[in-house]
Amino acid sequence: MSDIKKVVLAYSGGLDTSVIIPWLKENYDNCEVIAVAGNVGQADELEGLEEKALATGASKLYVLDLTEEYVNDYIIPTMKAGAVYEEYLLGTSHARPCIAKGLVEVALKEGADAIVHGCTGKGNDQVRFELAIKHFAPHMKIIAPWREWSIKSRDEEIDYAQAHNVPLRINRQTNYSKDKNLWHLSHEGLDLEDTGNEPQYEKPGFLEMGVSPLQAPDKPTYITLDFEKGVPVALDGEKMSAKEIILKLNQIGGANGIGLLDIVENRLVGMKCRGVYETPGGAILYKAHSVLESVCLDKMTAHEKQRLSITFAELVYNGQWFTPLREALSAFVDKTQERVTGKVKLKLYKGNMINAGVWSPCSLYSEKIATFGESDYNQADAAGFINLYGLPIQVQAMVDGQNHE
């Protein structure tokens, strides 16, 4: 360990990373610890971070503003792909490669000997961070204290923090494992570890990005979203960046109880884990984009895109963002989005998103053709189509009938 003189730590100021700083100095010959916080929209969690990092032993703190990069290079490509992992909208998953890229940039600039992260050996995030680090710095040493130290639980972490005078914002009763960014907030641990327990949606302080559907207004909220080539460009007629749209949708969706998800998901490491997610703006964006695609994409493209969206989601969830396959799938998605331009209207009401209209200059829907009224469509043509389409079934039945004679 004597060759480790300087490390860069992925720092959030939470329990894990706060404890890691004194642990590193104790166990790696008082090495220099440079803390790096990747700002992906965690807002108030960044307040007082420098003071805390320095007080616990870091030599300096970098706060990297990654919000625009996170939205434009990770969130929007994943949303355009329609990528959903077991209903989960991948809020933690696509933030990690973005943060890891920034970590490597600082580590190389500072001449660090290693990069450190606070991910547990049970979770997915260790994989996401390390695969991204390997992509950008294949020879960089990676230190994961959870895979080395004798601490076995979050309670023991709190004990360690208190013994080393590390200030904490949590207590043992509210010690959910959370991840927050501008796209979502996740909750794991405590009472949620028992799948028989209903999440405490109505309990003050549990939800942070919105309210329970039971507490949402009794009157619906209408919104319109404009897209150009699959990218959101305006909300309620006002031109905005994708980042601004997401932040505004978080407020609107949260107030209407939109985007709550309680699932038991299959982690990459093999175990099942129960999590509760808040993704108000993201849920709205996915819904509106899907509605627009329903009129803009032809059947074969839409169906193939649905199949590949599962692969895309698995790549993101499994930390394989920086891979040739993900890049190839993104190229396919971008091609499919060339005609996904138009406007979608949604009605938000007590956790529900209800279609209220869709318009597109690229729409493949023709009221003139599809109408139940009079049209130029010749219904007699269907007879010949069915005869040809059903020919294999008819021949099979004739052969089977002969075999039974």
Protein backbone atom coordinates (compact mmCIF):
# COMPACT_ATOMS: atom_id res chain seq x y z
CA MET A 1 0.00 0.00 0.00
CA SER A 2 3.02 2.29 0.29
CA ASP A 3 2.84 3.01 -3.46
CA ILE A 4 -0.49 4.78 -2.96
CA LYS A 5 0.41 8.42 -2.25
CA LYS A 6 -2.56 10.25 -3.75
CA VAL A 7 -6.10 9.09 -4.47
CA VAL A 8 -9.21 10.60 -6.02
CA LEU A 9 -12.43 9.74 -4.18
CA ALA A 10 -15.92 9.78 -5.66
CA TYR A 11 -17.44 11.92 -2.93
CA SER A 12 -21.08 12.64 -2.11
CA GLY A 13 -20.82 13.65 1.54
CA GLY A 14 -23.09 10.76 2.46
CA LEU A 15 -22.37 8.08 5.03
CA ASP A 16 -20.16 5.84 2.90
CA THR A 17 -17.87 8.45 1.39
CA SER A 18 -17.62 10.46 4.62
CA VAL A 19 -16.32 7.44 6.50
CA ILE A 20 -13.99 6.45 3.68
CA ILE A 21 -11.74 9.54 3.98
CA PRO A 22 -10.42 8.82 7.52
CA TRP A 23 -10.35 5.08 6.71
CA LEU A 24 -8.13 5.71 3.68
CA LYS A 25 -5.72 7.85 5.68
CA GLU A 26 -5.53 5.17 8.40
CA ASN A 27 -5.03 2.26 6.03
CA TYR A 28 -3.06 3.78 3.14
CA ASP A 29 -0.18 5.50 4.95
CA ASN A 30 -1.90 8.86 5.37
CA CYS A 31 -2.29 9.23 1.60
CA GLU A 32 -3.59 12.47 0.13
CA VAL A 33 -7.32 12.25 -0.56
CA ILE A 34 -8.81 14.48 -3.25
CA ALA A 35 -12.59 14.45 -3.11
CA VAL A 36 -14.58 14.80 -6.32
CA ALA A 37 -18.32 15.45 -6.33
CA GLY A 38 -20.06 15.03 -9.66
CA ASN A 39 -23.00 17.42 -9.77
CA VAL A 40 -25.74 15.54 -11.62
CA GLY A 41 -28.51 17.57 -10.05
CA GLN A 42 -28.55 16.44 -6.43
CA ALA A 43 -29.15 20.09 -5.45
CA ASP A 44 -29.08 20.65 -1.67
CA GLU A 45 -26.83 17.62 -1.12
CA LEU A 46 -23.95 19.73 -2.44
CA GLU A 47 -24.35 22.41 0.24
CA GLY A 48 -21.48 22.56 2.73
CA LEU A 49 -19.68 19.74 0.94
CA GLU A 50 -16.25 21.40 0.74
CA GLU A 51 -16.18 22.26 4.43
CA LYS A 52 -17.19 18.71 5.31
CA ALA A 53 -14.65 17.09 2.99
CA LEU A 54 -11.78 19.18 4.31
CA ALA A 55 -12.86 18.66 7.92
CA THR A 56 -12.75 14.90 7.52
CA GLY A 57 -9.28 14.84 5.95
CA ALA A 58 -9.51 15.60 2.23
CA SER A 59 -6.90 17.96 0.80
CA LYS A 60 -9.31 19.56 -1.65
CA LEU A 61 -12.72 19.13 -3.25
CA TYR A 62 -13.66 19.36 -6.91
CA VAL A 63 -17.33 19.92 -7.70
CA LEU A 64 -17.88 19.09 -11.36
CA ASP A 65 -21.01 20.51 -13.00
CA LEU A 66 -22.07 17.55 -15.11
CA THR A 67 -25.77 18.40 -15.35
CA GLU A 68 -25.91 19.39 -19.02
CA GLU A 69 -23.65 16.52 -20.05
CA TYR A 70 -25.70 14.09 -17.98
CA VAL A 71 -28.97 15.16 -19.60
CA ASN A 72 -27.80 15.47 -23.20
CA ASP A 73 -25.32 12.58 -23.43
CA TYR A 74 -26.93 9.98 -21.14
CA ILE A 75 -30.55 10.68 -20.15
CA ILE A 76 -31.91 11.76 -23.53
CA PRO A 77 -30.23 8.95 -25.54
CA THR A 78 -31.64 6.41 -23.06
CA MET A 79 -35.11 7.98 -23.16
CA LYS A 80 -35.11 8.06 -26.97
CA ALA A 81 -34.30 4.35 -26.91
CA GLY A 82 -37.33 3.72 -24.69
CA ALA A 83 -34.97 1.80 -22.43
CA VAL A 84 -36.61 0.53 -19.24
CA TYR A 85 -35.12 -2.10 -16.94
CA GLU A 86 -37.93 -4.05 -15.25
CA GLU A 87 -40.04 -0.82 -15.09
CA TYR A 88 -37.06 1.12 -13.67
CA LEU A 89 -36.13 4.29 -15.59
CA LEU A 90 -32.40 3.85 -14.90
CA GLY A 91 -31.81 7.00 -12.83
CA THR A 92 -28.79 5.72 -10.92
CA SER A 93 -27.56 3.56 -13.79
CA HIS A 94 -26.84 6.23 -16.39
CA ALA A 95 -25.53 8.75 -13.85
CA ARG A 96 -22.60 6.52 -12.85
CA PRO A 97 -20.71 6.44 -16.17
CA CYS A 98 -21.11 10.21 -16.42
CA ILE A 99 -19.63 10.73 -12.94
CA ALA A 100 -16.89 8.15 -13.50
CA LYS A 101 -15.76 9.95 -16.66
CA GLY A 102 -15.30 13.12 -14.61
CA LEU A 103 -13.45 11.21 -11.89
CA VAL A 104 -10.93 9.90 -14.37
CA GLU A 105 -10.34 13.36 -15.82
CA VAL A 106 -9.49 14.71 -12.35
CA ALA A 107 -7.38 11.67 -11.45
CA LEU A 108 -5.26 12.04 -14.58
CA LYS A 109 -4.95 15.80 -14.08
CA GLU A 110 -3.86 15.34 -10.45
CA GLY A 111 -1.54 12.41 -11.16
CA ALA A 112 -3.43 10.18 -8.72
CA ASP A 113 -2.29 6.65 -7.99
CA ALA A 114 -5.83 5.29 -7.56
CA ILE A 115 -9.53 6.07 -7.79
CA VAL A 116 -11.73 5.23 -4.81
CA HIS A 117 -15.48 4.68 -4.68
CA GLY A 118 -17.90 3.96 -1.85
CA CYS A 119 -20.03 1.32 -3.57
CA THR A 120 -20.79 -1.85 -1.67
CA GLY A 121 -19.80 -5.29 -2.89
CA LYS A 122 -23.48 -6.24 -3.11
CA GLY A 123 -24.62 -3.58 -5.54
CA ASN A 124 -24.57 -2.65 -9.22
CA ASP A 125 -22.80 0.69 -8.86
CA GLN A 126 -19.38 -0.85 -8.24
CA VAL A 127 -19.61 -2.39 -11.70
CA ARG A 128 -20.84 0.81 -13.35
CA PHE A 129 -18.04 2.92 -11.89
CA GLU A 130 -15.28 0.45 -12.53
CA LEU A 131 -16.20 -0.44 -16.11
CA ALA A 132 -16.24 3.27 -16.98
CA ILE A 133 -12.89 3.79 -15.23
CA LYS A 134 -11.41 0.83 -17.12
CA HIS A 135 -12.60 2.40 -20.37
CA PHE A 136 -10.92 5.77 -19.79
CA ALA A 137 -7.94 4.68 -17.66
CA PRO A 138 -7.37 0.94 -18.14
CA HIS A 139 -4.27 0.85 -15.91
CA MET A 140 -5.65 2.94 -13.03
CA LYS A 141 -5.81 1.18 -9.66
CA ILE A 142 -9.28 1.08 -8.11
CA ILE A 143 -9.89 0.94 -4.36
CA ALA A 144 -13.29 -0.18 -3.05
CA PRO A 145 -13.22 -0.01 0.79
CA TRP A 146 -16.44 -1.99 1.17
CA ARG A 147 -14.58 -4.95 -0.32
CA GLU A 148 -11.64 -4.52 2.07
CA TRP A 149 -12.64 -3.19 5.47
CA SER A 150 -14.10 -5.06 8.43
CA ILE A 151 -17.25 -2.89 8.60
CA LYS A 152 -20.25 -5.13 7.95
CA SER A 153 -23.27 -2.82 8.07
CA ARG A 154 -24.47 0.77 7.91
CA ASP A 155 -24.90 0.72 11.70
CA GLU A 156 -21.20 -0.11 12.06
CA GLU A 157 -20.41 2.70 9.62
CA ILE A 158 -22.26 5.12 11.88
CA ASP A 159 -20.30 3.81 14.85
CA TYR A 160 -17.05 4.39 12.94
CA ALA A 161 -18.13 7.89 11.92
CA GLN A 162 -19.01 8.84 15.48
CA ALA A 163 -15.69 7.47 16.78
CA HIS A 164 -13.81 9.58 14.22
CA ASN A 165 -15.92 12.74 14.69
CA VAL A 166 -17.30 12.57 11.17
CA PRO A 167 -20.45 14.77 10.92
CA LEU A 168 -23.51 12.99 9.51
CA ARG A 169 -26.83 14.29 8.21
CA ILE A 170 -28.65 11.05 8.98
CA ASN A 171 -29.56 8.99 12.01
CA ARG A 172 -30.17 5.29 12.49
CA GLN A 173 -33.94 5.66 12.13
CA THR A 174 -33.90 7.54 8.82
CA ASN A 175 -30.92 5.77 7.34
CA TYR A 176 -32.41 4.80 3.97
CA SER A 177 -29.84 4.24 1.27
CA LYS A 178 -30.67 6.99 -1.23
CA ASP A 179 -29.41 8.18 -4.56
CA LYS A 180 -30.57 11.55 -5.85
CA ASN A 181 -30.03 13.43 -9.09
CA LEU A 182 -32.07 15.62 -11.42
CA TRP A 183 -33.74 12.54 -12.94
CA HIS A 184 -34.77 10.55 -9.87
CA LEU A 185 -34.51 9.62 -6.21
CA SER A 186 -34.12 6.03 -5.01
CA HIS A 187 -34.90 4.59 -1.57
CA GLU A 188 -33.56 1.25 -0.28
CA GLY A 189 -33.11 -0.37 3.11
CA LEU A 190 -34.83 -0.19 6.52
CA ASP A 191 -38.51 -1.21 6.36
CA LEU A 192 -38.31 -1.59 2.57
CA GLU A 193 -36.15 -4.69 2.98
CA ASP A 194 -39.33 -6.54 4.00
CA THR A 195 -41.32 -6.89 0.77
CA GLY A 196 -44.50 -7.17 2.85
CA ASN A 197 -44.20 -3.55 4.00
CA GLU A 198 -46.03 -0.88 2.05
CA PRO A 199 -43.85 2.19 1.35
CA GLN A 200 -44.70 5.12 3.61
CA TYR A 201 -45.71 7.44 0.79
CA GLU A 202 -47.93 9.58 3.00
CA LYS A 203 -45.40 9.90 5.83
CA PRO A 204 -43.91 13.43 5.91
CA GLY A 205 -40.34 13.44 4.63
CA PHE A 206 -40.39 10.07 2.89
CA LEU A 207 -41.04 11.42 -0.60
CA GLU A 208 -38.76 14.28 -1.63
CA MET A 209 -39.63 14.95 -5.27
CA GLY A 210 -43.40 14.95 -4.95
CA VAL A 211 -46.45 13.74 -3.07
CA SER A 212 -48.47 10.58 -2.81
CA PRO A 213 -51.29 10.31 -5.37
CA LEU A 214 -53.66 10.45 -2.38
CA GLN A 215 -52.31 13.92 -1.56
CA ALA A 216 -52.34 15.20 -5.15
CA PRO A 217 -54.86 17.83 -6.29
CA ASP A 218 -58.44 16.82 -7.12
CA LYS A 219 -58.19 18.77 -10.39
CA PRO A 220 -56.13 17.45 -13.34
CA THR A 221 -53.18 19.31 -14.82
CA TYR A 222 -52.76 19.48 -18.60
CA ILE A 223 -49.34 19.83 -20.21
CA THR A 224 -48.02 19.83 -23.78
CA LEU A 225 -44.56 18.68 -24.83
CA ASP A 226 -42.92 19.41 -28.17
CA PHE A 227 -40.26 17.09 -29.59
CA GLU A 228 -37.84 17.46 -32.49
CA LYS A 229 -36.26 14.22 -33.68
CA GLY A 230 -37.13 12.59 -30.35
CA VAL A 231 -35.63 15.36 -28.20
CA PRO A 232 -37.92 17.48 -25.98
CA VAL A 233 -37.64 21.13 -27.01
CA ALA A 234 -40.65 22.92 -25.48
CA LEU A 235 -43.03 22.65 -22.54
CA ASP A 236 -46.47 24.26 -22.74
CA GLY A 237 -45.33 26.15 -25.82
CA GLU A 238 -42.22 27.61 -24.21
CA LYS A 239 -38.87 26.70 -25.74
CA MET A 240 -36.49 25.22 -23.16
CA SER A 241 -33.40 23.05 -22.96
CA ALA A 242 -33.95 19.37 -22.19
CA LYS A 243 -32.50 19.96 -18.73
CA GLU A 244 -34.92 22.81 -18.03
CA ILE A 245 -37.84 20.71 -19.24
CA ILE A 246 -36.92 17.82 -16.94
CA LEU A 247 -36.59 20.13 -13.92
CA LYS A 248 -39.96 21.76 -14.66
CA LEU A 249 -41.63 18.38 -15.25
CA ASN A 250 -40.26 17.19 -11.90
CA GLN A 251 -42.20 19.99 -10.21
CA ILE A 252 -45.40 19.44 -12.18
CA GLY A 253 -45.25 15.66 -12.01
CA GLY A 254 -44.27 15.57 -8.36
CA ALA A 255 -47.22 17.79 -7.42
CA ASN A 256 -49.55 15.34 -9.18
CA GLY A 257 -48.12 12.16 -7.63
CA ILE A 258 -46.55 11.00 -10.90
CA GLY A 259 -43.60 8.64 -11.27
CA LEU A 260 -43.64 6.47 -8.13
CA LEU A 261 -42.34 2.93 -8.55
CA ASP A 262 -42.00 0.12 -6.01
CA ILE A 263 -40.26 -2.95 -7.45
CA VAL A 264 -38.14 -5.95 -6.60
CA GLU A 265 -35.48 -5.88 -9.30
CA ASN A 266 -32.82 -8.34 -10.41
CA ARG A 267 -29.39 -6.91 -9.69
CA LEU A 268 -26.44 -7.69 -11.91
CA VAL A 269 -24.64 -9.42 -9.02
CA GLY A 270 -27.36 -12.07 -8.82
CA MET A 271 -29.59 -11.08 -5.91
CA LYS A 272 -33.02 -9.50 -5.93
CA CYS A 273 -33.39 -6.10 -4.26
CA ARG A 274 -36.43 -4.01 -3.36
CA GLY A 275 -36.35 -0.31 -4.20
CA VAL A 276 -38.75 2.63 -4.30
CA TYR A 277 -38.10 5.22 -6.98
CA GLU A 278 -39.34 8.75 -7.60
CA THR A 279 -39.04 9.80 -11.25
CA PRO A 280 -41.81 12.35 -11.87
CA GLY A 281 -40.39 14.25 -14.83
CA GLY A 282 -38.81 11.19 -16.37
CA ALA A 283 -42.06 9.22 -16.27
CA ILE A 284 -43.86 12.04 -18.09
CA LEU A 285 -41.12 12.35 -20.68
CA TYR A 286 -41.11 8.60 -21.42
CA LYS A 287 -44.90 8.58 -21.71
CA ALA A 288 -45.10 11.57 -24.05
CA HIS A 289 -42.27 10.28 -26.23
CA SER A 290 -43.96 6.88 -26.53
CA VAL A 291 -47.27 8.49 -27.54
CA LEU A 292 -45.53 10.51 -30.25
CA GLU A 293 -43.68 7.45 -31.57
CA SER A 294 -47.00 5.61 -31.88
CA VAL A 295 -47.98 7.89 -34.78
CA CYS A 296 -44.51 8.52 -36.26
CA LEU A 297 -42.88 5.07 -36.47
CA ASP A 298 -43.83 2.35 -38.93
CA LYS A 299 -44.75 -1.02 -37.46
CA MET A 300 -41.55 -2.94 -38.23
CA THR A 301 -39.28 -0.16 -36.93
CA ALA A 302 -41.40 0.29 -33.80
CA HIS A 303 -41.40 -3.43 -33.02
CA GLU A 304 -37.67 -3.87 -33.61
CA LYS A 305 -36.98 -0.80 -31.49
CA GLN A 306 -39.05 -2.30 -28.66
CA ARG A 307 -37.00 -5.49 -28.79
CA LEU A 308 -33.68 -3.65 -28.82
CA SER A 309 -34.79 -1.32 -26.03
CA ILE A 310 -34.51 -4.26 -23.63
CA THR A 311 -30.91 -4.83 -24.69
CA PHE A 312 -30.19 -1.11 -24.38
CA ALA A 313 -31.65 -1.06 -20.86
CA GLU A 314 -29.60 -4.08 -19.81
CA LEU A 315 -26.41 -2.46 -21.11
CA VAL A 316 -27.12 0.71 -19.14
CA TYR A 317 -28.14 -1.17 -15.99
CA ASN A 318 -25.11 -3.45 -16.20
CA GLY A 319 -22.60 -0.59 -16.52
CA GLN A 320 -21.79 -1.18 -20.18
CA TRP A 321 -22.38 2.34 -21.43
CA PHE A 322 -18.95 2.71 -23.00
CA THR A 323 -19.19 -0.31 -25.29
CA PRO A 324 -19.42 -0.74 -29.08
CA LEU A 325 -22.85 -2.34 -28.80
CA ARG A 326 -24.37 0.55 -26.83
CA GLU A 327 -22.92 3.01 -29.33
CA ALA A 328 -24.31 0.96 -32.23
CA LEU A 329 -27.74 0.81 -30.63
CA SER A 330 -27.68 4.58 -30.09
CA ALA A 331 -26.91 5.03 -33.79
CA PHE A 332 -29.92 2.85 -34.62
CA VAL A 333 -32.10 4.83 -32.23
CA ASP A 334 -31.00 8.15 -33.72
CA LYS A 335 -32.03 6.91 -37.16
CA THR A 336 -35.47 5.92 -35.87
CA GLN A 337 -35.93 9.38 -34.34
CA GLU A 338 -35.55 11.33 -37.57
CA ARG A 339 -39.36 11.47 -37.93
CA VAL A 340 -40.28 11.68 -34.23
CA THR A 341 -41.28 15.33 -34.30
CA GLY A 342 -44.51 16.80 -32.99
CA LYS A 343 -46.58 17.74 -29.97
CA VAL A 344 -48.15 15.60 -27.22
CA LYS A 345 -50.80 16.65 -24.70
CA LEU A 346 -51.15 14.76 -21.43
CA LYS A 347 -53.60 14.99 -18.53
CA LEU A 348 -51.95 14.39 -15.15
CA TYR A 349 -54.22 13.28 -12.35
CA LYS A 350 -53.39 11.61 -9.03
CA GLY A 351 -50.48 9.51 -10.31
CA ASN A 352 -52.00 8.89 -13.74
CA MET A 353 -50.82 10.11 -17.15
CA ILE A 354 -53.73 10.17 -19.60
CA ASN A 355 -53.38 10.77 -23.34
CA ALA A 356 -55.09 14.01 -24.35
CA GLY A 357 -53.88 14.47 -27.92
CA VAL A 358 -50.97 14.02 -30.31
CA TRP A 359 -50.04 15.94 -33.47
CA SER A 360 -47.14 15.45 -35.87
CA PRO A 361 -46.21 16.62 -39.38
CA CYS A 362 -44.62 13.17 -39.76
CA SER A 363 -47.67 11.21 -38.57
CA LEU A 364 -48.34 7.95 -40.40
CA TYR A 365 -51.88 7.86 -39.06
CA SER A 366 -54.47 8.73 -41.72
CA GLU A 367 -57.97 9.44 -40.48
CA LYS A 368 -59.13 9.33 -44.09
CA ILE A 369 -57.94 5.74 -44.46
CA ALA A 370 -58.68 4.43 -40.96
CA THR A 371 -62.17 5.94 -40.62
CA PHE A 372 -65.26 3.77 -40.11
CA GLY A 373 -66.94 6.13 -42.51
CA GLU A 374 -66.61 6.20 -46.28
CA SER A 375 -63.04 6.18 -47.62
CA ASP A 376 -61.01 5.25 -50.69
CA TYR A 377 -59.90 2.02 -49.00
CA ASN A 378 -61.19 -0.97 -50.99
CA GLN A 379 -62.31 -3.51 -48.41
CA ALA A 380 -62.61 -6.20 -51.08
CA ASP A 381 -58.81 -6.22 -51.35
CA ALA A 382 -58.68 -7.88 -47.93
CA ALA A 383 -60.02 -11.18 -49.30
CA GLY A 384 -57.01 -11.79 -51.54
CA PHE A 385 -54.63 -10.67 -48.79
CA ILE A 386 -56.14 -13.14 -46.31
CA ASN A 387 -55.99 -15.96 -48.88
CA LEU A 388 -52.26 -15.42 -49.39
CA TYR A 389 -51.50 -14.68 -45.74
CA GLY A 390 -53.39 -17.79 -44.63
CA LEU A 391 -52.03 -20.07 -47.36
CA PRO A 392 -49.40 -21.79 -45.14
CA ILE A 393 -52.07 -22.56 -42.50
CA GLN A 394 -54.44 -23.87 -45.16
CA VAL A 395 -51.80 -26.09 -46.78
CA GLN A 396 -50.72 -27.43 -43.36
CA ALA A 397 -54.32 -28.32 -42.55
CA MET A 398 -54.77 -30.06 -45.91
CA VAL A 399 -51.60 -32.10 -45.39
CA ASP A 400 -52.57 -32.99 -41.81
CA GLY A 401 -55.99 -34.01 -43.06
CA GLN A 402 -54.48 -36.31 -45.68
CA ASN A 403 -52.22 -37.91 -43.06
CA HIS A 404 -55.25 -38.80 -40.94
CA GLU A 405 -57.18 -40.47 -43.74
